[in-house]
Amino acid sequence: MRAILHESIIEELKSRFTRIVVFFDNDEAGIESAELYESLFNIDMIHTGIGEEKDPSGYYKKWGLEPTKQLLKELL
């Protein structure tokens, strides 16, 4: 069972920020959840790509700060 933020929270965030991006784990459940948010709330989703680390902290741990910053620049 997955928890989904209430629409009012997403709308409040949209009123404060020009872009909302979901960046969940890079596994089947994370990608499916991100796609759900994208379709329900019309917000962007990103992930590190097939075969990469499961999450941003894992990517950072393996590759370090500069490659992680570069990855985020490319994804965003």
PDB file of N, CA and C in Angstrom:
ATOM      1  N   MET A   1       0.841  -1.177   0.000  1.00  0.00           N
ATOM      2  CA  MET A   1       0.000   0.000   0.000  1.00  0.00           C
ATOM      3  C   MET A   1       0.886   1.241   0.000  1.00  0.00           C
ATOM      4  N   ARG A   2       0.577   2.188  -0.853  1.00  0.00           N
ATOM      5  CA  ARG A   2       1.387   3.395  -0.906  1.00  0.00           C
ATOM      6  C   ARG A   2       0.598   4.588  -0.400  1.00  0.00           C
ATOM      7  N   ALA A   3       1.303   5.487   0.229  1.00  0.00           N
ATOM      8  CA  ALA A   3       0.695   6.722   0.716  1.00  0.00           C
ATOM      9  C   ALA A   3       0.876   7.803  -0.344  1.00  0.00           C
ATOM     10  N   ILE A   4      -0.162   8.561  -0.575  1.00  0.00           N
ATOM     11  CA  ILE A   4      -0.118   9.646  -1.562  1.00  0.00           C
ATOM     12  C   ILE A   4      -0.468  10.935  -0.846  1.00  0.00           C
ATOM     13  N   LEU A   5       0.317  11.954  -1.096  1.00  0.00           N
ATOM     14  CA  LEU A   5       0.015  13.259  -0.504  1.00  0.00           C
ATOM     15  C   LEU A   5      -1.356  13.727  -0.947  1.00  0.00           C
ATOM     16  N   HIS A   6      -2.033  14.416  -0.088  1.00  0.00           N
ATOM     17  CA  HIS A   6      -3.351  14.951  -0.413  1.00  0.00           C
ATOM     18  C   HIS A   6      -3.198  16.052  -1.461  1.00  0.00           C
ATOM     19  N   GLU A   7      -4.169  16.131  -2.354  1.00  0.00           N
ATOM     20  CA  GLU A   7      -4.129  17.111  -3.440  1.00  0.00           C
ATOM     21  C   GLU A   7      -3.938  18.533  -2.921  1.00  0.00           C
ATOM     22  N   SER A   8      -4.500  18.859  -1.767  1.00  0.00           N
ATOM     23  CA  SER A   8      -4.361  20.215  -1.226  1.00  0.00           C
ATOM     24  C   SER A   8      -2.899  20.549  -0.920  1.00  0.00           C
ATOM     25  N   ILE A   9      -2.129  19.564  -0.520  1.00  0.00           N
ATOM     26  CA  ILE A   9      -0.709  19.789  -0.246  1.00  0.00           C
ATOM     27  C   ILE A   9       0.026  20.082  -1.551  1.00  0.00           C
ATOM     28  N   ILE A  10      -0.258  19.304  -2.570  1.00  0.00           N
ATOM     29  CA  ILE A  10       0.373  19.523  -3.873  1.00  0.00           C
ATOM     30  C   ILE A  10      -0.008  20.903  -4.413  1.00  0.00           C
ATOM     31  N   GLU A  11      -1.267  21.261  -4.308  1.00  0.00           N
ATOM     32  CA  GLU A  11      -1.712  22.570  -4.798  1.00  0.00           C
ATOM     33  C   GLU A  11      -1.048  23.707  -4.037  1.00  0.00           C
ATOM     34  N   GLU A  12      -0.862  23.529  -2.722  1.00  0.00           N
ATOM     35  CA  GLU A  12      -0.188  24.555  -1.930  1.00  0.00           C
ATOM     36  C   GLU A  12       1.267  24.703  -2.380  1.00  0.00           C
ATOM     37  N   LEU A  13       1.925  23.581  -2.635  1.00  0.00           N
ATOM     38  CA  LEU A  13       3.299  23.623  -3.138  1.00  0.00           C
ATOM     39  C   LEU A  13       3.367  24.294  -4.506  1.00  0.00           C
ATOM     40  N   LYS A  14       2.416  23.975  -5.371  1.00  0.00           N
ATOM     41  CA  LYS A  14       2.376  24.592  -6.701  1.00  0.00           C
ATOM     42  C   LYS A  14       2.189  26.102  -6.618  1.00  0.00           C
ATOM     43  N   SER A  15       1.480  26.566  -5.592  1.00  0.00           N
ATOM     44  CA  SER A  15       1.271  28.005  -5.447  1.00  0.00           C
ATOM     45  C   SER A  15       2.547  28.713  -4.974  1.00  0.00           C
ATOM     46  N   ARG A  16       3.459  27.975  -4.374  1.00  0.00           N
ATOM     47  CA  ARG A  16       4.692  28.550  -3.834  1.00  0.00           C
ATOM     48  C   ARG A  16       5.901  28.393  -4.735  1.00  0.00           C
ATOM     49  N   PHE A  17       5.886  27.377  -5.599  1.00  0.00           N
ATOM     50  CA  PHE A  17       7.063  27.070  -6.408  1.00  0.00           C
ATOM     51  C   PHE A  17       6.684  26.984  -7.888  1.00  0.00           C
ATOM     52  N   THR A  18       7.625  27.349  -8.752  1.00  0.00           N
ATOM     53  CA  THR A  18       7.338  27.313 -10.190  1.00  0.00           C
ATOM     54  C   THR A  18       7.398  25.902 -10.758  1.00  0.00           C
ATOM     55  N   ARG A  19       8.120  25.018 -10.102  1.00  0.00           N
ATOM     56  CA  ARG A  19       8.231  23.638 -10.591  1.00  0.00           C
ATOM     57  C   ARG A  19       8.308  22.688  -9.411  1.00  0.00           C
ATOM     58  N   ILE A  20       7.502  21.646  -9.458  1.00  0.00           N
ATOM     59  CA  ILE A  20       7.534  20.580  -8.462  1.00  0.00           C
ATOM     60  C   ILE A  20       8.021  19.316  -9.173  1.00  0.00           C
ATOM     61  N   VAL A  21       8.987  18.632  -8.564  1.00  0.00           N
ATOM     62  CA  VAL A  21       9.566  17.427  -9.158  1.00  0.00           C
ATOM     63  C   VAL A  21       9.574  16.321  -8.115  1.00  0.00           C
ATOM     64  N   VAL A  22       9.101  15.141  -8.485  1.00  0.00           N
ATOM     65  CA  VAL A  22       9.211  13.985  -7.601  1.00  0.00           C
ATOM     66  C   VAL A  22      10.431  13.163  -8.017  1.00  0.00           C
ATOM     67  N   PHE A  23      11.175  12.733  -7.019  1.00  0.00           N
ATOM     68  CA  PHE A  23      12.410  11.979  -7.241  1.00  0.00           C
ATOM     69  C   PHE A  23      12.430  10.850  -6.225  1.00  0.00           C
ATOM     70  N   PHE A  24      11.683   9.782  -6.534  1.00  0.00           N
ATOM     71  CA  PHE A  24      11.609   8.629  -5.644  1.00  0.00           C
ATOM     72  C   PHE A  24      12.715   7.636  -5.978  1.00  0.00           C
ATOM     73  N   ASP A  25      12.768   6.554  -5.216  1.00  0.00           N
ATOM     74  CA  ASP A  25      13.766   5.515  -5.458  1.00  0.00           C
ATOM     75  C   ASP A  25      13.680   5.006  -6.892  1.00  0.00           C
ATOM     76  N   ASN A  26      14.831   4.549  -7.387  1.00  0.00           N
ATOM     77  CA  ASN A  26      14.944   4.028  -8.738  1.00  0.00           C
ATOM     78  C   ASN A  26      14.673   2.520  -8.757  1.00  0.00           C
ATOM     79  N   ASP A  27      13.517   2.146  -8.221  1.00  0.00           N
ATOM     80  CA  ASP A  27      13.084   0.754  -8.303  1.00  0.00           C
ATOM     81  C   ASP A  27      11.654   0.766  -8.848  1.00  0.00           C
ATOM     82  N   GLU A  28      11.104  -0.399  -9.059  1.00  0.00           N
ATOM     83  CA  GLU A  28       9.776  -0.479  -9.676  1.00  0.00           C
ATOM     84  C   GLU A  28       8.732   0.316  -8.894  1.00  0.00           C
ATOM     85  N   ALA A  29       8.713   0.160  -7.582  1.00  0.00           N
ATOM     86  CA  ALA A  29       7.722   0.872  -6.763  1.00  0.00           C
ATOM     87  C   ALA A  29       7.925   2.384  -6.817  1.00  0.00           C
ATOM     88  N   GLY A  30       9.184   2.824  -6.763  1.00  0.00           N
ATOM     89  CA  GLY A  30       9.467   4.254  -6.809  1.00  0.00           C
ATOM     90  C   GLY A  30       9.094   4.879  -8.133  1.00  0.00           C
ATOM     91  N   ILE A  31       9.416   4.207  -9.212  1.00  0.00           N
ATOM     92  CA  ILE A  31       9.092   4.730 -10.547  1.00  0.00           C
ATOM     93  C   ILE A  31       7.577   4.732 -10.758  1.00  0.00           C
ATOM     94  N   GLU A  32       6.895   3.670 -10.329  1.00  0.00           N
ATOM     95  CA  GLU A  32       5.435   3.635 -10.453  1.00  0.00           C
ATOM     96  C   GLU A  32       4.783   4.751  -9.637  1.00  0.00           C
ATOM     97  N   SER A  33       5.296   4.997  -8.437  1.00  0.00           N
ATOM     98  CA  SER A  33       4.744   6.076  -7.604  1.00  0.00           C
ATOM     99  C   SER A  33       4.989   7.442  -8.242  1.00  0.00           C
ATOM    100  N   ALA A  34       6.169   7.642  -8.764  1.00  0.00           N
ATOM    101  CA  ALA A  34       6.484   8.913  -9.422  1.00  0.00           C
ATOM    102  C   ALA A  34       5.585   9.128 -10.639  1.00  0.00           C
ATOM    103  N   GLU A  35       5.366   8.069 -11.408  1.00  0.00           N
ATOM    104  CA  GLU A  35       4.470   8.174 -12.570  1.00  0.00           C
ATOM    105  C   GLU A  35       3.043   8.496 -12.132  1.00  0.00           C
ATOM    106  N   LEU A  36       2.619   7.944 -10.997  1.00  0.00           N
ATOM    107  CA  LEU A  36       1.293   8.227 -10.475  1.00  0.00           C
ATOM    108  C   LEU A  36       1.168   9.708 -10.110  1.00  0.00           C
ATOM    109  N   TYR A  37       2.158  10.248  -9.396  1.00  0.00           N
ATOM    110  CA  TYR A  37       2.144  11.674  -9.051  1.00  0.00           C
ATOM    111  C   TYR A  37       2.138  12.537 -10.306  1.00  0.00           C
ATOM    112  N   GLU A  38       2.933  12.123 -11.282  1.00  0.00           N
ATOM    113  CA  GLU A  38       2.996  12.868 -12.546  1.00  0.00           C
ATOM    114  C   GLU A  38       1.622  12.926 -13.205  1.00  0.00           C
ATOM    115  N   SER A  39       0.921  11.810 -13.230  1.00  0.00           N
ATOM    116  CA  SER A  39      -0.379  11.775 -13.905  1.00  0.00           C
ATOM    117  C   SER A  39      -1.495  12.411 -13.068  1.00  0.00           C
ATOM    118  N   LEU A  40      -1.471  12.199 -11.756  1.00  0.00           N
ATOM    119  CA  LEU A  40      -2.525  12.749 -10.902  1.00  0.00           C
ATOM    120  C   LEU A  40      -2.429  14.267 -10.744  1.00  0.00           C
ATOM    121  N   PHE A  41      -1.192  14.762 -10.600  1.00  0.00           N
ATOM    122  CA  PHE A  41      -1.005  16.152 -10.214  1.00  0.00           C
ATOM    123  C   PHE A  41      -0.314  17.011 -11.275  1.00  0.00           C
ATOM    124  N   ASN A  42      -0.004  16.397 -12.412  1.00  0.00           N
ATOM    125  CA  ASN A  42       0.653  17.125 -13.498  1.00  0.00           C
ATOM    126  C   ASN A  42       1.961  17.772 -13.014  1.00  0.00           C
ATOM    127  N   ILE A  43       2.794  16.963 -12.374  1.00  0.00           N
ATOM    128  CA  ILE A  43       4.110  17.425 -11.942  1.00  0.00           C
ATOM    129  C   ILE A  43       5.171  16.523 -12.562  1.00  0.00           C
ATOM    130  N   ASP A  44       6.380  17.029 -12.651  1.00  0.00           N
ATOM    131  CA  ASP A  44       7.469  16.294 -13.283  1.00  0.00           C
ATOM    132  C   ASP A  44       8.019  15.204 -12.368  1.00  0.00           C
ATOM    133  N   MET A  45       8.568  14.175 -12.990  1.00  0.00           N
ATOM    134  CA  MET A  45       9.254  13.118 -12.255  1.00  0.00           C
ATOM    135  C   MET A  45      10.621  12.899 -12.877  1.00  0.00           C
ATOM    136  N   ILE A  46      11.569  12.501 -12.054  1.00  0.00           N
ATOM    137  CA  ILE A  46      12.893  12.121 -12.546  1.00  0.00           C
ATOM    138  C   ILE A  46      13.329  10.865 -11.789  1.00  0.00           C
ATOM    139  N   HIS A  47      14.265  10.145 -12.379  1.00  0.00           N
ATOM    140  CA  HIS A  47      14.925   9.037 -11.693  1.00  0.00           C
ATOM    141  C   HIS A  47      16.292   8.856 -12.315  1.00  0.00           C
ATOM    142  N   THR A  48      17.169   8.138 -11.618  1.00  0.00           N
ATOM    143  CA  THR A  48      18.559   8.055 -12.051  1.00  0.00           C
ATOM    144  C   THR A  48      18.776   7.178 -13.270  1.00  0.00           C
ATOM    145  N   GLY A  49      17.815   6.362 -13.623  1.00  0.00           N
ATOM    146  CA  GLY A  49      17.972   5.518 -14.802  1.00  0.00           C
ATOM    147  C   GLY A  49      18.167   4.059 -14.438  1.00  0.00           C
ATOM    148  N   ILE A  50      17.827   3.209 -15.355  1.00  0.00           N
ATOM    149  CA  ILE A  50      17.920   1.775 -15.136  1.00  0.00           C
ATOM    150  C   ILE A  50      19.377   1.384 -14.867  1.00  0.00           C
ATOM    151  N   GLY A  51      19.566   0.577 -13.838  1.00  0.00           N
ATOM    152  CA  GLY A  51      20.897   0.086 -13.524  1.00  0.00           C
ATOM    153  C   GLY A  51      21.714   1.013 -12.644  1.00  0.00           C
ATOM    154  N   GLU A  52      21.219   2.208 -12.375  1.00  0.00           N
ATOM    155  CA  GLU A  52      21.950   3.132 -11.506  1.00  0.00           C
ATOM    156  C   GLU A  52      21.590   2.866 -10.052  1.00  0.00           C
ATOM    157  N   GLU A  53      22.162   3.644  -9.160  1.00  0.00           N
ATOM    158  CA  GLU A  53      21.884   3.480  -7.741  1.00  0.00           C
ATOM    159  C   GLU A  53      20.404   3.694  -7.445  1.00  0.00           C
ATOM    160  N   LYS A  54      19.952   3.129  -6.325  1.00  0.00           N
ATOM    161  CA  LYS A  54      18.529   3.140  -5.997  1.00  0.00           C
ATOM    162  C   LYS A  54      17.991   4.533  -5.687  1.00  0.00           C
ATOM    163  N   ASP A  55      18.801   5.386  -5.088  1.00  0.00           N
ATOM    164  CA  ASP A  55      18.317   6.702  -4.698  1.00  0.00           C
ATOM    165  C   ASP A  55      19.462   7.713  -4.759  1.00  0.00           C
ATOM    166  N   PRO A  56      19.154   9.006  -4.618  1.00  0.00           N
ATOM    167  CA  PRO A  56      20.207  10.030  -4.718  1.00  0.00           C
ATOM    168  C   PRO A  56      21.330   9.843  -3.700  1.00  0.00           C
ATOM    169  N   SER A  57      20.996   9.407  -2.486  1.00  0.00           N
ATOM    170  CA  SER A  57      22.052   9.236  -1.488  1.00  0.00           C
ATOM    171  C   SER A  57      22.983   8.080  -1.863  1.00  0.00           C
ATOM    172  N   GLY A  58      22.434   7.021  -2.450  1.00  0.00           N
ATOM    173  CA  GLY A  58      23.272   5.918  -2.918  1.00  0.00           C
ATOM    174  C   GLY A  58      24.175   6.345  -4.065  1.00  0.00           C
ATOM    175  N   TYR A  59      23.636   7.169  -4.948  1.00  0.00           N
ATOM    176  CA  TYR A  59      24.437   7.710  -6.054  1.00  0.00           C
ATOM    177  C   TYR A  59      25.584   8.549  -5.495  1.00  0.00           C
ATOM    178  N   TYR A  60      25.254   9.419  -4.541  1.00  0.00           N
ATOM    179  CA  TYR A  60      26.272  10.265  -3.911  1.00  0.00           C
ATOM    180  C   TYR A  60      27.341   9.422  -3.220  1.00  0.00           C
ATOM    181  N   LYS A  61      26.910   8.403  -2.501  1.00  0.00           N
ATOM    182  CA  LYS A  61      27.856   7.553  -1.777  1.00  0.00           C
ATOM    183  C   LYS A  61      28.827   6.868  -2.738  1.00  0.00           C
ATOM    184  N   LYS A  62      28.323   6.422  -3.877  1.00  0.00           N
ATOM    185  CA  LYS A  62      29.178   5.701  -4.825  1.00  0.00           C
ATOM    186  C   LYS A  62      30.029   6.648  -5.669  1.00  0.00           C
ATOM    187  N   TRP A  63      29.440   7.771  -6.128  1.00  0.00           N
ATOM    188  CA  TRP A  63      30.106   8.621  -7.111  1.00  0.00           C
ATOM    189  C   TRP A  63      30.642   9.941  -6.563  1.00  0.00           C
ATOM    190  N   GLY A  64      30.150  10.403  -5.402  1.00  0.00           N
ATOM    191  CA  GLY A  64      30.647  11.647  -4.829  1.00  0.00           C
ATOM    192  C   GLY A  64      29.798  12.858  -5.206  1.00  0.00           C
ATOM    193  N   LEU A  65      30.194  14.005  -4.677  1.00  0.00           N
ATOM    194  CA  LEU A  65      29.402  15.223  -4.800  1.00  0.00           C
ATOM    195  C   LEU A  65      29.309  15.759  -6.223  1.00  0.00           C
ATOM    196  N   GLU A  66      30.423  15.944  -6.891  1.00  0.00           N
ATOM    197  CA  GLU A  66      30.393  16.579  -8.215  1.00  0.00           C
ATOM    198  C   GLU A  66      29.603  15.753  -9.244  1.00  0.00           C
ATOM    199  N   PRO A  67      29.823  14.437  -9.334  1.00  0.00           N
ATOM    200  CA  PRO A  67      28.997  13.663 -10.264  1.00  0.00           C
ATOM    201  C   PRO A  67      27.506  13.706  -9.916  1.00  0.00           C
ATOM    202  N   THR A  68      27.194  13.744  -8.619  1.00  0.00           N
ATOM    203  CA  THR A  68      25.794  13.819  -8.214  1.00  0.00           C
ATOM    204  C   THR A  68      25.191  15.159  -8.624  1.00  0.00           C
ATOM    205  N   LYS A  69      25.936  16.236  -8.422  1.00  0.00           N
ATOM    206  CA  LYS A  69      25.460  17.554  -8.868  1.00  0.00           C
ATOM    207  C   LYS A  69      25.252  17.575 -10.385  1.00  0.00           C
ATOM    208  N   GLN A  70      26.178  16.971 -11.118  1.00  0.00           N
ATOM    209  CA  GLN A  70      26.056  16.913 -12.572  1.00  0.00           C
ATOM    210  C   GLN A  70      24.831  16.101 -12.993  1.00  0.00           C
ATOM    211  N   LEU A  71      24.597  14.981 -12.333  1.00  0.00           N
ATOM    212  CA  LEU A  71      23.422  14.162 -12.628  1.00  0.00           C
ATOM    213  C   LEU A  71      22.141  14.969 -12.422  1.00  0.00           C
ATOM    214  N   LEU A  72      22.053  15.663 -11.295  1.00  0.00           N
ATOM    215  CA  LEU A  72      20.849  16.455 -11.010  1.00  0.00           C
ATOM    216  C   LEU A  72      20.666  17.567 -12.023  1.00  0.00           C
ATOM    217  N   LYS A  73      21.738  18.211 -12.443  1.00  0.00           N
ATOM    218  CA  LYS A  73      21.635  19.250 -13.480  1.00  0.00           C
ATOM    219  C   LYS A  73      21.076  18.661 -14.771  1.00  0.00           C
ATOM    220  N   GLU A  74      21.565  17.476 -15.134  1.00  0.00           N
ATOM    221  CA  GLU A  74      21.104  16.823 -16.361  1.00  0.00           C
ATOM    222  C   GLU A  74      19.625  16.417 -16.250  1.00  0.00           C
ATOM    223  N   LEU A  75      19.251  15.890 -15.096  1.00  0.00           N
ATOM    224  CA  LEU A  75      17.875  15.417 -14.921  1.00  0.00           C
ATOM    225  C   LEU A  75      16.865  16.560 -14.829  1.00  0.00           C
ATOM    226  N   LEU A  76      17.298  17.656 -14.254  1.00  0.00           N
ATOM    227  CA  LEU A  76      16.379  18.781 -14.083  1.00  0.00           C
ATOM    228  C   LEU A  76      16.409  19.684 -15.286  1.00  0.00           C
TER     229      LEU A  76
END
